[in-house]
């Protein structure tokens, strides 16, 4: 009997990998630090490239529709409330798969329940963290720290770290890595029950690259036309003194930050009024990590935020983690449960995703708002005289290609994991 593939972390990436390995007939074991799985977080977008993979994993529209809704539109709006750019999304744009806006916690729990059902509850260990590893020609040994203070070792054929932006496995693999980077942006996130904007399923970015709101629904509207709306309020400050708060994520009162958005009042949206009705608010800095030259060391690999934590400006962090998982599965189909499979995954994704990390630092698709600010300070009468339509379209096409969801290429691509494919 061969050793399982060990997965450090039971978040979106780690559970996607566990489901993928089960699909192709590879035993997996997940080690997750949380003592209990809970539906944490607010909204997240799943781009068509990730939805394609979820569908192929057997998590279709019934599952995703229960935790969110298909996005219909992506729109940028200037400081004066006028439209800068808008385009249809998902199947309305011509993709073979939709884009979904989902409640992150509910989506995570759907992955968790699917993994428990398919792999068995004993394949997921809670209250345990991979603190380090040692490897030899025959496999890898993970050193595991348990919530009760005890320690143990687990033997695996490979170790894949999906343990997030503060990854302990990454720290061992790259001991000289400078750690978490903060560029000065502070985000406040939460949800509110309200009528959705524009199409009823629109993602709206409003303001400038230094001072903006992001608003989109993560549920279908109720009988009164009100949906659960995810909002992100963001301000950029001088980061030279570093992050001054304890921890990276804390609940806050709306009154602590609402004044930053007093001027965001339009005939179609009153941001202060919306924020005042919010049911929760959390503060966290917009952080990432430096791109790495490699995500792999022999029998150990990084994936998701452990490999490429990126600014959320492109709404593709969760999507990329899912794509990582499927790419690892495809590499194992080609090379077996071997270091060669991890090397093939690294060769395919590390360089282009590192470039995407850097691109998102430059505001990602919100870079159009940078351009608008440079040319007119964000206030305009006719957007076509400031940024011509062709320039706006070319900018967005370039981002989609870099993020791996250019429509023509994705629609024409064969499945990452062929139907029925299993490792011999």
Protein backbone atom coordinates (compact mmCIF):
# COMPACT_ATOMS: atom_id res chain seq x y z
CA UNK A 1 0.00 0.00 0.00
CA UNK A 2 1.43 3.37 -1.03
CA UNK A 3 1.59 6.37 1.28
CA UNK A 4 -1.05 9.09 0.77
CA UNK A 5 -0.45 12.58 -0.51
CA UNK A 6 -0.43 14.85 2.52
CA UNK A 7 -2.21 18.20 2.15
CA UNK A 8 -1.37 20.90 4.69
CA UNK A 9 -4.46 23.10 4.98
CA UNK A 10 -8.16 22.47 4.45
CA UNK A 11 -9.16 25.75 2.84
CA UNK A 12 -10.51 26.20 -0.67
CA UNK A 13 -7.24 25.13 -2.33
CA UNK A 14 -6.50 22.18 -0.07
CA UNK A 15 -10.02 20.73 -0.30
CA UNK A 16 -10.06 21.24 -4.09
CA UNK A 17 -6.84 19.23 -4.27
CA UNK A 18 -8.24 16.49 -2.01
CA UNK A 19 -11.34 16.19 -4.22
CA UNK A 20 -9.20 16.18 -7.37
CA UNK A 21 -6.90 13.43 -6.07
CA UNK A 22 -9.89 11.34 -5.01
CA UNK A 23 -11.32 11.79 -8.51
CA UNK A 24 -8.17 10.35 -10.14
CA UNK A 25 -7.75 7.53 -7.60
CA UNK A 26 -4.97 8.97 -5.42
CA UNK A 27 -5.28 8.68 -1.63
CA UNK A 28 -5.07 12.03 0.15
CA UNK A 29 -5.02 13.16 3.76
CA UNK A 30 -5.80 16.73 4.82
CA UNK A 31 -4.29 18.32 7.95
CA UNK A 32 -6.20 21.46 8.95
CA UNK A 33 -5.38 23.84 11.83
CA UNK A 34 -8.98 24.82 12.66
CA UNK A 35 -10.50 22.72 15.44
CA UNK A 36 -13.91 23.07 13.81
CA UNK A 37 -14.86 24.01 10.27
CA UNK A 38 -17.04 27.13 10.27
CA UNK A 39 -18.39 29.28 7.40
CA UNK A 40 -15.96 32.18 7.74
CA UNK A 41 -15.51 35.17 5.43
CA UNK A 42 -17.78 37.17 3.16
CA UNK A 43 -17.83 37.37 -0.65
CA UNK A 44 -15.51 35.82 -3.21
CA UNK A 45 -15.66 35.54 -7.00
CA UNK A 46 -15.10 32.30 -8.89
CA UNK A 47 -13.96 33.05 -12.44
CA UNK A 48 -15.06 30.84 -15.38
CA UNK A 49 -11.73 28.99 -15.43
CA UNK A 50 -12.34 27.87 -11.83
CA UNK A 51 -16.05 27.15 -12.36
CA UNK A 52 -15.09 24.86 -15.25
CA UNK A 53 -12.90 22.88 -12.84
CA UNK A 54 -15.58 22.78 -10.13
CA UNK A 55 -18.12 21.45 -12.62
CA UNK A 56 -15.63 18.76 -13.66
CA UNK A 57 -15.21 17.87 -9.96
CA UNK A 58 -18.95 17.25 -9.73
CA UNK A 59 -19.73 20.55 -8.00
CA UNK A 60 -22.18 22.02 -10.46
CA UNK A 61 -24.77 24.76 -10.67
CA UNK A 62 -26.87 23.12 -7.93
CA UNK A 63 -24.02 23.42 -5.42
CA UNK A 64 -22.77 26.85 -6.50
CA UNK A 65 -26.29 28.22 -6.84
CA UNK A 66 -26.93 27.31 -3.21
CA UNK A 67 -23.99 29.44 -2.01
CA UNK A 68 -24.10 32.35 -4.48
CA UNK A 69 -25.29 33.41 -7.91
CA UNK A 70 -23.93 33.83 -11.45
CA UNK A 71 -22.42 37.27 -12.05
CA UNK A 72 -23.88 39.14 -15.03
CA UNK A 73 -21.72 42.24 -15.25
CA UNK A 74 -18.38 43.77 -14.21
CA UNK A 75 -18.40 47.58 -14.06
CA UNK A 76 -16.04 50.37 -13.05
CA UNK A 77 -17.44 53.75 -12.01
CA UNK A 78 -15.53 56.99 -11.47
CA UNK A 79 -15.60 59.27 -8.44
CA UNK A 80 -18.41 61.31 -9.96
CA UNK A 81 -20.60 58.19 -10.27
CA UNK A 82 -20.28 57.91 -14.05
CA UNK A 83 -19.48 54.65 -15.81
CA UNK A 84 -15.87 54.11 -16.89
CA UNK A 85 -16.14 50.58 -18.24
CA UNK A 86 -18.66 47.75 -18.18
CA UNK A 87 -18.84 44.31 -19.72
CA UNK A 88 -20.98 41.18 -19.41
CA UNK A 89 -19.52 38.28 -17.46
CA UNK A 90 -19.76 34.50 -17.60
CA UNK A 91 -22.11 32.91 -20.11
CA UNK A 92 -23.54 36.33 -21.01
CA UNK A 93 -20.09 37.24 -22.30
CA UNK A 94 -19.82 34.03 -24.33
CA UNK A 95 -17.97 31.80 -21.88
CA UNK A 96 -19.03 28.16 -21.71
CA UNK A 97 -19.13 28.51 -17.91
CA UNK A 98 -20.54 31.19 -15.63
CA UNK A 99 -18.68 33.37 -13.17
CA UNK A 100 -20.06 32.96 -9.66
CA UNK A 101 -20.17 35.45 -6.78
CA UNK A 102 -20.45 33.32 -3.65
CA UNK A 103 -20.39 33.56 0.11
CA UNK A 104 -16.87 32.36 0.86
CA UNK A 105 -17.80 30.57 4.06
CA UNK A 106 -20.78 28.77 2.54
CA UNK A 107 -18.69 27.73 -0.49
CA UNK A 108 -15.90 26.46 1.77
CA UNK A 109 -18.38 24.38 3.75
CA UNK A 110 -19.76 22.90 0.51
CA UNK A 111 -16.24 21.79 -0.43
CA UNK A 112 -15.72 20.40 3.07
CA UNK A 113 -18.93 18.38 3.04
CA UNK A 114 -18.11 17.01 -0.43
CA UNK A 115 -14.62 16.01 0.76
CA UNK A 116 -15.98 14.30 3.90
CA UNK A 117 -18.55 12.42 1.84
CA UNK A 118 -16.15 11.26 -0.87
CA UNK A 119 -12.87 10.73 1.01
CA UNK A 120 -14.36 9.82 4.39
CA UNK A 121 -14.30 11.86 7.58
CA UNK A 122 -11.08 10.18 8.75
CA UNK A 123 -9.20 11.64 5.75
CA UNK A 124 -9.45 15.14 7.27
CA UNK A 125 -7.67 15.85 10.56
CA UNK A 126 -8.78 19.03 12.34
CA UNK A 127 -6.91 20.88 15.07
CA UNK A 128 -3.53 20.05 13.55
CA UNK A 129 -0.90 22.03 11.67
CA UNK A 130 2.09 20.95 9.59
CA UNK A 131 5.00 22.64 11.37
CA UNK A 132 7.81 21.24 9.23
CA UNK A 133 8.91 18.39 7.02
CA UNK A 134 11.78 16.07 6.18
CA UNK A 135 12.11 14.12 2.96
CA UNK A 136 14.12 11.24 1.58
CA UNK A 137 14.19 9.11 -1.55
CA UNK A 138 11.08 7.18 -0.48
CA UNK A 139 8.76 9.92 0.70
CA UNK A 140 8.21 12.84 3.04
CA UNK A 141 7.58 13.04 6.77
CA UNK A 142 5.41 15.90 8.02
CA UNK A 143 5.92 17.14 11.57
CA UNK A 144 2.46 17.90 12.92
CA UNK A 145 1.58 20.17 15.86
CA UNK A 146 -1.80 19.47 17.45
CA UNK A 147 -4.12 21.93 19.17
CA UNK A 148 -3.74 20.06 22.46
CA UNK A 149 0.02 20.73 22.45
CA UNK A 150 1.09 17.27 21.33
CA UNK A 151 3.21 16.53 18.28
CA UNK A 152 3.22 13.66 15.83
CA UNK A 153 4.61 12.63 12.46
CA UNK A 154 2.81 11.62 9.29
CA UNK A 155 4.40 9.80 6.37
CA UNK A 156 3.36 10.60 2.83
CA UNK A 157 4.45 10.10 -0.73
CA UNK A 158 4.28 13.88 -1.30
CA UNK A 159 3.38 16.95 0.76
CA UNK A 160 1.40 19.81 -0.78
CA UNK A 161 1.12 22.95 1.35
CA UNK A 162 -2.17 24.81 1.03
CA UNK A 163 -1.68 26.43 4.44
CA UNK A 164 -2.22 30.04 3.44
CA UNK A 165 -0.32 33.30 3.38
CA UNK A 166 1.45 32.54 6.69
CA UNK A 167 2.49 29.07 5.51
CA UNK A 168 4.91 27.23 7.78
CA UNK A 169 5.94 24.95 4.92
CA UNK A 170 6.84 27.96 2.78
CA UNK A 171 8.93 29.33 5.66
CA UNK A 172 11.01 26.15 5.71
CA UNK A 173 11.29 25.89 1.92
CA UNK A 174 12.26 29.58 1.52
CA UNK A 175 13.83 30.68 4.82
CA UNK A 176 15.09 33.97 3.36
CA UNK A 177 11.68 35.03 2.07
CA UNK A 178 10.90 38.55 3.40
CA UNK A 179 7.43 37.63 4.64
CA UNK A 180 4.10 39.37 4.29
CA UNK A 181 4.16 42.63 2.31
CA UNK A 182 1.78 45.55 2.87
CA UNK A 183 1.54 48.35 0.34
CA UNK A 184 -0.63 50.74 2.36
CA UNK A 185 -4.18 49.71 1.39
CA UNK A 186 -6.64 49.08 4.23
CA UNK A 187 -9.83 47.16 3.49
CA UNK A 188 -13.05 47.01 5.47
CA UNK A 189 -15.37 44.20 4.41
CA UNK A 190 -18.87 43.19 5.30
CA UNK A 191 -22.36 42.37 4.10
CA UNK A 192 -25.69 44.17 4.05
CA UNK A 193 -29.22 43.29 2.96
CA UNK A 194 -30.11 45.67 0.14
CA UNK A 195 -31.37 45.89 -3.42
CA UNK A 196 -28.58 44.90 -5.84
CA UNK A 197 -27.21 47.47 -8.31
CA UNK A 198 -27.47 47.73 -12.08
CA UNK A 199 -28.27 44.28 -13.56
CA UNK A 200 -29.08 42.75 -10.18
CA UNK A 201 -25.92 40.63 -10.38
CA UNK A 202 -23.27 43.27 -11.10
CA UNK A 203 -19.78 43.60 -9.65
CA UNK A 204 -19.26 47.36 -9.24
CA UNK A 205 -15.92 49.03 -8.53
CA UNK A 206 -16.43 52.68 -7.56
CA UNK A 207 -13.93 55.49 -6.92
CA UNK A 208 -10.18 55.59 -7.53
CA UNK A 209 -7.35 53.10 -7.12
CA UNK A 210 -6.53 54.71 -3.74
CA UNK A 211 -10.06 55.28 -2.44
CA UNK A 212 -12.82 52.96 -3.60
CA UNK A 213 -15.77 50.67 -2.94
CA UNK A 214 -16.41 47.23 -4.39
CA UNK A 215 -20.03 46.05 -4.23
CA UNK A 216 -21.70 42.87 -5.51
CA UNK A 217 -24.52 40.50 -4.45
CA UNK A 218 -23.77 36.99 -3.18
CA UNK A 219 -27.35 35.73 -3.05
CA UNK A 220 -30.43 35.83 -5.22
CA UNK A 221 -32.93 38.55 -4.19
CA UNK A 222 -35.72 37.68 -1.78
CA UNK A 223 -39.42 38.39 -2.25
CA UNK A 224 -38.81 42.06 -1.43
CA UNK A 225 -36.02 42.34 -4.01
CA UNK A 226 -33.25 42.49 -1.39
CA UNK A 227 -30.12 40.35 -1.66
CA UNK A 228 -27.12 39.75 0.58
CA UNK A 229 -24.63 42.31 -0.72
CA UNK A 230 -20.89 41.94 -0.24
CA UNK A 231 -19.04 45.25 0.07
CA UNK A 232 -15.39 46.21 0.38
CA UNK A 233 -14.36 49.74 1.37
CA UNK A 234 -10.74 50.60 0.71
CA UNK A 235 -8.37 53.49 1.47
CA UNK A 236 -4.62 53.67 0.79
CA UNK A 237 -2.37 55.30 3.39
CA UNK A 238 1.38 55.74 3.92
CA UNK A 239 2.74 52.24 4.74
CA UNK A 240 6.18 53.42 5.90
CA UNK A 241 5.40 52.78 9.58
CA UNK A 242 4.08 49.30 8.90
CA UNK A 243 0.79 47.73 9.97
CA UNK A 244 0.03 49.07 13.44
CA UNK A 245 -2.84 46.80 14.47
CA UNK A 246 -2.45 43.49 16.26
CA UNK A 247 -3.25 40.70 13.84
CA UNK A 248 -4.34 40.85 10.23
CA UNK A 249 -8.11 40.57 10.58
CA UNK A 250 -10.39 42.13 13.20
CA UNK A 251 -14.07 43.03 13.59
CA UNK A 252 -14.66 46.79 13.72
CA UNK A 253 -17.49 49.27 14.14
CA UNK A 254 -18.74 51.03 11.00
CA UNK A 255 -18.15 54.38 12.72
CA UNK A 256 -14.39 53.77 12.63
CA UNK A 257 -14.18 54.22 8.86
CA UNK A 258 -17.48 55.41 7.38
CA UNK A 259 -16.26 59.03 7.27
CA UNK A 260 -13.85 58.14 4.47
CA UNK A 261 -16.84 57.64 2.18
CA UNK A 262 -19.04 60.62 3.07
CA UNK A 263 -18.78 61.98 -0.49
CA UNK A 264 -19.81 58.70 -2.14
CA UNK A 265 -23.44 59.75 -2.64
CA UNK A 266 -25.13 59.41 -6.05
CA UNK A 267 -28.65 59.27 -7.40
CA UNK A 268 -28.24 55.48 -7.84
CA UNK A 269 -26.34 54.70 -4.60
CA UNK A 270 -25.80 56.27 -1.17
CA UNK A 271 -22.70 54.52 0.21
CA UNK A 272 -22.84 55.98 3.75
CA UNK A 273 -26.50 54.94 4.05
CA UNK A 274 -25.64 51.44 2.81
CA UNK A 275 -22.71 51.07 5.23
CA UNK A 276 -24.80 52.28 8.15
CA UNK A 277 -27.15 49.32 7.62
CA UNK A 278 -24.37 46.71 7.35
CA UNK A 279 -24.67 43.64 9.57
CA UNK A 280 -20.92 43.22 10.09
CA UNK A 281 -17.55 44.80 9.27
CA UNK A 282 -14.00 43.43 9.35
CA UNK A 283 -10.75 45.30 8.87
CA UNK A 284 -7.68 43.86 7.23
CA UNK A 285 -4.72 45.25 5.30
CA UNK A 286 -4.32 44.36 1.63
CA UNK A 287 -1.28 42.09 1.82
CA UNK A 288 0.62 39.70 -0.41
CA UNK A 289 4.01 38.03 -0.59
CA UNK A 290 6.92 38.34 -2.98
CA UNK A 291 6.82 36.02 -6.01
CA UNK A 292 9.00 32.94 -5.58
CA UNK A 293 11.44 31.43 -8.10
CA UNK A 294 9.96 27.97 -7.42
CA UNK A 295 7.08 26.45 -5.48
CA UNK A 296 8.63 23.01 -5.25
CA UNK A 297 11.40 21.30 -3.32
CA UNK A 298 11.60 17.63 -4.25
CA UNK A 299 8.53 15.93 -2.79
CA UNK A 300 7.08 19.13 -1.32
CA UNK A 301 5.03 21.78 -3.16
CA UNK A 302 3.24 25.02 -2.34
CA UNK A 303 -0.15 25.99 -3.77
CA UNK A 304 -2.77 28.70 -3.32
CA UNK A 305 -1.87 31.56 -0.99
CA UNK A 306 1.10 29.61 0.35
CA UNK A 307 2.61 29.83 -3.13
CA UNK A 308 1.26 33.09 -4.56
CA UNK A 309 -0.72 35.22 -2.11
CA UNK A 310 -1.91 38.15 -4.22
CA UNK A 311 -3.88 41.35 -3.86
CA UNK A 312 -7.61 40.68 -4.36
CA UNK A 313 -7.86 43.34 -7.07
CA UNK A 314 -8.47 40.75 -9.79
CA UNK A 315 -10.93 38.61 -7.83
CA UNK A 316 -8.94 35.52 -8.73
CA UNK A 317 -7.14 34.33 -5.59
CA UNK A 318 -9.62 31.53 -4.87
CA UNK A 319 -9.92 30.73 -8.57
CA UNK A 320 -6.17 30.32 -8.93
CA UNK A 321 -6.03 27.97 -5.92
CA UNK A 322 -8.64 25.75 -7.61
CA UNK A 323 -6.68 25.82 -10.88
CA UNK A 324 -3.51 24.93 -8.93
CA UNK A 325 -5.23 21.86 -7.52
CA UNK A 326 -6.40 20.66 -10.91
CA UNK A 327 -3.00 21.28 -12.50
CA UNK A 328 -1.36 19.15 -9.80
CA UNK A 329 -3.90 16.40 -10.50
CA UNK A 330 -3.20 16.52 -14.23
CA UNK A 331 0.55 16.37 -13.56
CA UNK A 332 0.06 13.25 -11.45
CA UNK A 333 -1.92 11.62 -14.24
CA UNK A 334 1.06 12.25 -16.50
CA UNK A 335 3.92 11.50 -14.08
CA UNK A 336 2.45 9.52 -11.20
CA UNK A 337 2.60 10.45 -7.53
CA UNK A 338 6.19 11.57 -7.90
CA UNK A 339 8.48 14.57 -7.55
CA UNK A 340 8.36 14.80 -11.34
CA UNK A 341 4.64 15.59 -11.14
CA UNK A 342 5.31 18.46 -8.74
CA UNK A 343 8.10 19.73 -10.99
CA UNK A 344 5.73 19.71 -13.99
CA UNK A 345 3.14 21.71 -12.01
CA UNK A 346 5.84 24.20 -11.01
CA UNK A 347 7.07 24.56 -14.58
CA UNK A 348 3.56 25.22 -15.87
CA UNK A 349 2.28 27.74 -13.34
CA UNK A 350 5.00 29.34 -11.20
CA UNK A 351 6.31 31.89 -13.70
CA UNK A 352 2.98 33.11 -15.18
CA UNK A 353 1.20 33.28 -11.81
CA UNK A 354 4.17 35.18 -10.35
CA UNK A 355 3.66 37.74 -13.11
CA UNK A 356 -0.04 37.89 -12.18
CA UNK A 357 0.90 38.61 -8.55
CA UNK A 358 2.93 41.60 -9.71
CA UNK A 359 0.16 42.73 -12.04
CA UNK A 360 -2.38 42.68 -9.20
CA UNK A 361 -0.04 44.86 -7.12
CA UNK A 362 -0.43 47.45 -9.84
CA UNK A 363 -4.21 47.41 -9.17
CA UNK A 364 -5.00 44.58 -11.60
CA UNK A 365 -8.12 45.39 -13.66
CA UNK A 366 -8.66 48.42 -11.41
CA UNK A 367 -5.61 49.86 -13.19
CA UNK A 368 -8.14 51.58 -15.45
CA UNK A 369 -8.98 53.77 -12.46
CA UNK A 370 -5.26 54.59 -12.07
CA UNK A 371 -5.25 55.72 -15.69
CA UNK A 372 -8.42 57.74 -15.17
CA UNK A 373 -6.93 59.44 -12.11
CA UNK A 374 -3.74 60.33 -13.98
CA UNK A 375 -5.65 61.87 -16.88
CA UNK A 376 -8.53 63.69 -15.23
CA UNK A 377 -8.48 63.12 -11.46
CA UNK A 378 -11.37 60.68 -11.72
CA UNK A 379 -13.98 63.27 -12.75
CA UNK A 380 -15.12 63.48 -16.38
CA UNK A 381 -18.03 64.28 -18.68
CA UNK A 382 -17.32 61.85 -21.53
CA UNK A 383 -15.12 58.83 -20.72
CA UNK A 384 -14.38 58.26 -24.42
CA UNK A 385 -12.44 61.52 -24.57
CA UNK A 386 -10.32 60.47 -21.56
CA UNK A 387 -9.74 56.76 -22.25
CA UNK A 388 -10.95 55.69 -25.71
CA UNK A 389 -13.11 52.52 -25.90
CA UNK A 390 -10.40 50.59 -27.74
CA UNK A 391 -7.86 51.35 -25.01
CA UNK A 392 -10.26 50.26 -22.26
CA UNK A 393 -11.08 47.02 -24.04
CA UNK A 394 -7.41 46.24 -24.73
CA UNK A 395 -6.52 46.84 -21.07
CA UNK A 396 -9.14 44.36 -19.85
CA UNK A 397 -8.27 41.78 -22.49
CA UNK A 398 -4.66 41.88 -21.36
CA UNK A 399 -5.63 41.25 -17.76
CA UNK A 400 -7.91 38.32 -18.61
CA UNK A 401 -5.15 36.68 -20.64
CA UNK A 402 -2.68 37.10 -17.76
CA UNK A 403 -5.20 35.68 -15.26
CA UNK A 404 -5.94 32.61 -17.38
CA UNK A 405 -9.54 33.32 -18.33
CA UNK A 406 -9.26 34.79 -21.81
CA UNK A 407 -12.55 33.56 -23.28
CA UNK A 408 -11.48 32.07 -26.63
CA UNK A 409 -8.54 30.18 -25.11
CA UNK A 410 -10.56 28.87 -22.16
CA UNK A 411 -13.56 27.82 -24.29
CA UNK A 412 -11.28 25.88 -26.65
CA UNK A 413 -9.14 24.23 -23.95
CA UNK A 414 -9.58 20.51 -23.28
CA UNK A 415 -10.52 19.46 -19.74
CA UNK A 416 -7.63 19.69 -17.27
CA UNK A 417 -8.65 16.25 -15.94
CA UNK A 418 -10.16 14.12 -18.74
CA UNK A 419 -13.51 12.55 -17.81
CA UNK A 420 -13.01 9.22 -16.08
CA UNK A 421 -9.22 9.55 -15.96
CA UNK A 422 -7.63 7.64 -13.09
CA UNK A 423 -4.06 6.88 -12.16
CA UNK A 424 -3.17 3.29 -12.91
